[in-house]
Protein backbone atom coordinates (compact mmCIF):
# COMPACT_ATOMS: atom_id res chain seq x y z
CA ILE A 1 -36.68 57.50 -1.38
CA THR A 2 -37.62 58.03 2.23
CA LYS A 3 -35.91 56.88 5.40
CA ASP A 4 -38.61 54.27 5.89
CA MET A 5 -37.91 52.75 2.48
CA ILE A 6 -34.18 52.64 3.15
CA ALA A 7 -34.79 51.00 6.53
CA PHE A 8 -37.08 48.40 4.90
CA ILE A 9 -34.47 47.61 2.24
CA LYS A 10 -31.69 47.29 4.83
CA LYS A 11 -33.86 45.04 7.01
CA ASN A 12 -34.91 42.76 4.13
CA LYS A 13 -31.93 42.96 1.78
CA PHE A 14 -31.24 39.22 1.96
CA ILE A 15 -34.80 38.39 0.88
CA LEU A 16 -34.77 41.07 -1.83
CA VAL A 17 -31.58 39.60 -3.28
CA GLY A 18 -33.32 36.22 -3.38
CA VAL A 19 -36.29 37.74 -5.18
CA ILE A 20 -34.04 39.31 -7.82
CA ILE A 21 -31.99 36.16 -8.34
CA GLY A 22 -35.16 34.05 -8.48
CA ALA A 23 -36.78 36.36 -11.02
CA VAL A 24 -33.74 36.21 -13.28
CA CYS A 25 -33.57 32.42 -12.97
CA GLY A 26 -37.30 32.12 -13.65
CA TYR A 27 -37.01 34.12 -16.84
CA LEU A 28 -33.93 32.22 -17.94
CA TYR A 29 -35.80 28.96 -17.37
CA TYR A 30 -38.63 30.23 -19.56
CA TYR A 31 -36.21 31.40 -22.25
CA PHE A 32 -34.02 28.31 -22.45
CA VAL A 33 -36.33 25.47 -21.37
CA GLY A 34 -39.87 26.83 -21.52
CA CYS A 35 -42.86 25.15 -23.04
CA ALA A 36 -43.08 25.30 -26.81
CA ASN A 37 -46.73 24.37 -27.28
CA GLY A 38 -48.22 26.54 -24.53
CA THR A 39 -49.77 23.75 -22.46
CA CYS A 40 -47.54 24.30 -19.42
CA ALA A 41 -49.21 26.57 -16.88
CA ILE A 42 -46.10 28.35 -15.59
CA THR A 43 -43.35 27.99 -18.18
CA SER A 44 -45.40 28.97 -21.22
CA ASP A 45 -45.61 32.64 -20.15
CA PRO A 46 -42.51 34.72 -19.29
CA LEU A 47 -44.35 36.83 -16.70
CA LYS A 48 -45.66 33.80 -14.81
CA SER A 49 -42.29 32.10 -14.92
CA THR A 50 -40.50 35.24 -13.67
CA VAL A 51 -42.96 35.84 -10.83
CA TYR A 52 -42.84 32.17 -9.80
CA GLY A 53 -39.04 32.30 -9.74
CA ALA A 54 -39.08 35.51 -7.71
CA ILE A 55 -41.41 34.00 -5.12
CA LEU A 56 -39.33 30.85 -4.81
CA GLY A 57 -36.10 32.85 -4.59
CA GLY A 58 -37.49 35.08 -1.84
CA LEU A 59 -38.85 32.14 0.12
CA THR A 60 -35.64 30.18 -0.25
CA LEU A 61 -33.41 32.94 1.10
CA ASN A 62 -35.98 33.75 3.78
CA ILE A 63 -35.20 30.34 5.28
CA PHE A 64 -31.64 31.43 6.01
CA LYS A 65 -32.59 34.77 7.56
């Protein structure tokens, strides 16, 4: 880890926390709610659901920055 990476993490830690929380929530939504028959575009695939949650989490906490 370089000094530049540490500086980036310190500068954007609030957004990164949102990304992590959103990714966990996205996966949990897939796992517990999901789409059983595979016709749902986002919730039928765990990767798509996790990435979508991460994006929304990052954007949501970016509002408060």
